[in-house]
């Protein structure tokens, strides 16, 4: 399944759209403090698929050690932001 995300969406909206698409849930229930396993009913395979989609959409690489520590929507957003910033630093140098 391909994620359709418009270019002009804000960062958080993009991440929420990807989460909703990958977990087949309504974006309205996704909150920063939402726990993927306990509240959004994700399993480990869902999390791998989600990380891969985020890497693809944002053109980043999320190290396994970081990915396995993600529990909440806020944490995934922070992880993606951190890796976008890291990617931009590498390109700039």
C-alpha atoms as a PDB file:
ATOM      1  CA  UNK A   1       0.000   0.000   0.000  1.00  0.00           C
ATOM      2  CA  UNK A   2       1.414   3.371  -0.970  1.00  0.00           C
ATOM      3  CA  UNK A   3       1.108   6.358   1.325  1.00  0.00           C
ATOM      4  CA  UNK A   4      -0.330   9.443  -0.359  1.00  0.00           C
ATOM      5  CA  UNK A   5       1.012  12.532   1.357  1.00  0.00           C
ATOM      6  CA  UNK A   6       0.917  16.004  -0.088  1.00  0.00           C
ATOM      7  CA  UNK A   7       4.099  18.066  -0.143  1.00  0.00           C
ATOM      8  CA  UNK A   8       2.544  21.046   1.658  1.00  0.00           C
ATOM      9  CA  UNK A   9       1.489  19.096   4.765  1.00  0.00           C
ATOM     10  CA  UNK A  10       3.255  20.068   7.974  1.00  0.00           C
ATOM     11  CA  UNK A  11       5.729  17.649   9.503  1.00  0.00           C
ATOM     12  CA  UNK A  12       3.445  16.404  12.274  1.00  0.00           C
ATOM     13  CA  UNK A  13       0.533  16.004   9.879  1.00  0.00           C
ATOM     14  CA  UNK A  14       2.724  13.936   7.551  1.00  0.00           C
ATOM     15  CA  UNK A  15       3.859  11.676  10.367  1.00  0.00           C
ATOM     16  CA  UNK A  16       0.281  11.255  11.631  1.00  0.00           C
ATOM     17  CA  UNK A  17      -0.917  10.437   8.098  1.00  0.00           C
ATOM     18  CA  UNK A  18       1.768   7.775   7.745  1.00  0.00           C
ATOM     19  CA  UNK A  19       0.921   6.279  11.142  1.00  0.00           C
ATOM     20  CA  UNK A  20      -2.804   6.232  10.351  1.00  0.00           C
ATOM     21  CA  UNK A  21      -2.164   4.638   6.973  1.00  0.00           C
ATOM     22  CA  UNK A  22       0.216   1.968   8.247  1.00  0.00           C
ATOM     23  CA  UNK A  23      -1.919   1.045  11.273  1.00  0.00           C
ATOM     24  CA  UNK A  24      -5.272   1.464   9.503  1.00  0.00           C
ATOM     25  CA  UNK A  25      -6.567   3.836  12.156  1.00  0.00           C
ATOM     26  CA  UNK A  26      -8.254   7.243  12.209  1.00  0.00           C
ATOM     27  CA  UNK A  27      -5.786  10.150  12.492  1.00  0.00           C
ATOM     28  CA  UNK A  28      -8.064  11.755  15.083  1.00  0.00           C
ATOM     29  CA  UNK A  29      -7.102   9.187  17.718  1.00  0.00           C
ATOM     30  CA  UNK A  30      -3.357   9.741  17.251  1.00  0.00           C
ATOM     31  CA  UNK A  31      -1.987  11.906  20.045  1.00  0.00           C
ATOM     32  CA  UNK A  32       1.665  12.685  20.900  1.00  0.00           C
ATOM     33  CA  UNK A  33       1.439  10.553  24.040  1.00  0.00           C
ATOM     34  CA  UNK A  34      -0.253   7.617  22.251  1.00  0.00           C
ATOM     35  CA  UNK A  35       1.633   4.379  22.849  1.00  0.00           C
ATOM     36  CA  UNK A  36       1.932   2.315  19.677  1.00  0.00           C
ATOM     37  CA  UNK A  37       1.526  -1.081  21.352  1.00  0.00           C
ATOM     38  CA  UNK A  38      -0.900  -0.324  24.184  1.00  0.00           C
ATOM     39  CA  UNK A  39      -3.131   2.337  22.607  1.00  0.00           C
ATOM     40  CA  UNK A  40      -2.770   2.068  18.828  1.00  0.00           C
ATOM     41  CA  UNK A  41      -2.671  -1.753  18.720  1.00  0.00           C
ATOM     42  CA  UNK A  42       0.567  -1.936  16.730  1.00  0.00           C
ATOM     43  CA  UNK A  43       2.721  -5.042  16.840  1.00  0.00           C
ATOM     44  CA  UNK A  44       6.438  -5.397  16.158  1.00  0.00           C
ATOM     45  CA  UNK A  45       5.847  -6.008  12.436  1.00  0.00           C
ATOM     46  CA  UNK A  46       3.724  -2.844  12.234  1.00  0.00           C
ATOM     47  CA  UNK A  47       6.557  -0.909  13.849  1.00  0.00           C
ATOM     48  CA  UNK A  48       9.121  -2.213  11.354  1.00  0.00           C
ATOM     49  CA  UNK A  49       6.786  -1.308   8.480  1.00  0.00           C
ATOM     50  CA  UNK A  50       6.177   2.150   9.976  1.00  0.00           C
ATOM     51  CA  UNK A  51       9.892   2.868  10.394  1.00  0.00           C
ATOM     52  CA  UNK A  52      10.592   1.754   6.823  1.00  0.00           C
ATOM     53  CA  UNK A  53       7.857   4.039   5.487  1.00  0.00           C
ATOM     54  CA  UNK A  54       9.139   6.995   7.522  1.00  0.00           C
ATOM     55  CA  UNK A  55      12.645   6.373   6.198  1.00  0.00           C
ATOM     56  CA  UNK A  56      11.307   6.281   2.646  1.00  0.00           C
ATOM     57  CA  UNK A  57       9.092   9.367   2.893  1.00  0.00           C
ATOM     58  CA  UNK A  58      11.655  11.530   4.704  1.00  0.00           C
ATOM     59  CA  UNK A  59      14.707  10.099   2.902  1.00  0.00           C
ATOM     60  CA  UNK A  60      16.452   9.200   6.161  1.00  0.00           C
ATOM     61  CA  UNK A  61      17.900   6.143   7.850  1.00  0.00           C
ATOM     62  CA  UNK A  62      16.777   5.351  11.388  1.00  0.00           C
ATOM     63  CA  UNK A  63      19.319   3.164  13.194  1.00  0.00           C
ATOM     64  CA  UNK A  64      17.933  -0.057  14.663  1.00  0.00           C
ATOM     65  CA  UNK A  65      18.934   1.004  18.182  1.00  0.00           C
ATOM     66  CA  UNK A  66      16.801   4.139  17.883  1.00  0.00           C
ATOM     67  CA  UNK A  67      13.891   2.386  16.211  1.00  0.00           C
ATOM     68  CA  UNK A  68      13.572  -0.262  18.903  1.00  0.00           C
ATOM     69  CA  UNK A  69      13.266   2.436  21.604  1.00  0.00           C
ATOM     70  CA  UNK A  70      10.232   4.103  19.979  1.00  0.00           C
ATOM     71  CA  UNK A  71       7.108   3.658  22.098  1.00  0.00           C
ATOM     72  CA  UNK A  72       4.998   6.769  21.492  1.00  0.00           C
ATOM     73  CA  UNK A  73       4.009   9.047  18.648  1.00  0.00           C
ATOM     74  CA  UNK A  74       6.046  11.854  20.240  1.00  0.00           C
ATOM     75  CA  UNK A  75       9.120   9.611  20.279  1.00  0.00           C
ATOM     76  CA  UNK A  76       8.730   8.698  16.618  1.00  0.00           C
ATOM     77  CA  UNK A  77       8.414  12.374  15.683  1.00  0.00           C
ATOM     78  CA  UNK A  78      11.526  13.241  17.710  1.00  0.00           C
ATOM     79  CA  UNK A  79      13.431  10.366  16.117  1.00  0.00           C
ATOM     80  CA  UNK A  80      12.468  11.403  12.589  1.00  0.00           C
ATOM     81  CA  UNK A  81      13.330  15.063  13.293  1.00  0.00           C
ATOM     82  CA  UNK A  82      16.692  14.080  14.731  1.00  0.00           C
ATOM     83  CA  UNK A  83      17.525  11.948  11.703  1.00  0.00           C
ATOM     84  CA  UNK A  84      16.378  14.646   9.259  1.00  0.00           C
ATOM     85  CA  UNK A  85      18.671  17.114  11.018  1.00  0.00           C
ATOM     86  CA  UNK A  86      21.528  14.604  11.016  1.00  0.00           C
ATOM     87  CA  UNK A  87      20.975  13.932   7.292  1.00  0.00           C
ATOM     88  CA  UNK A  88      21.023  17.659   6.538  1.00  0.00           C
ATOM     89  CA  UNK A  89      24.277  18.086   8.489  1.00  0.00           C
ATOM     90  CA  UNK A  90      25.929  15.323   6.485  1.00  0.00           C
ATOM     91  CA  UNK A  91      24.778  16.836   3.170  1.00  0.00           C
ATOM     92  CA  UNK A  92      25.954  20.319   4.206  1.00  0.00           C
ATOM     93  CA  UNK A  93      29.456  19.155   5.064  1.00  0.00           C
END
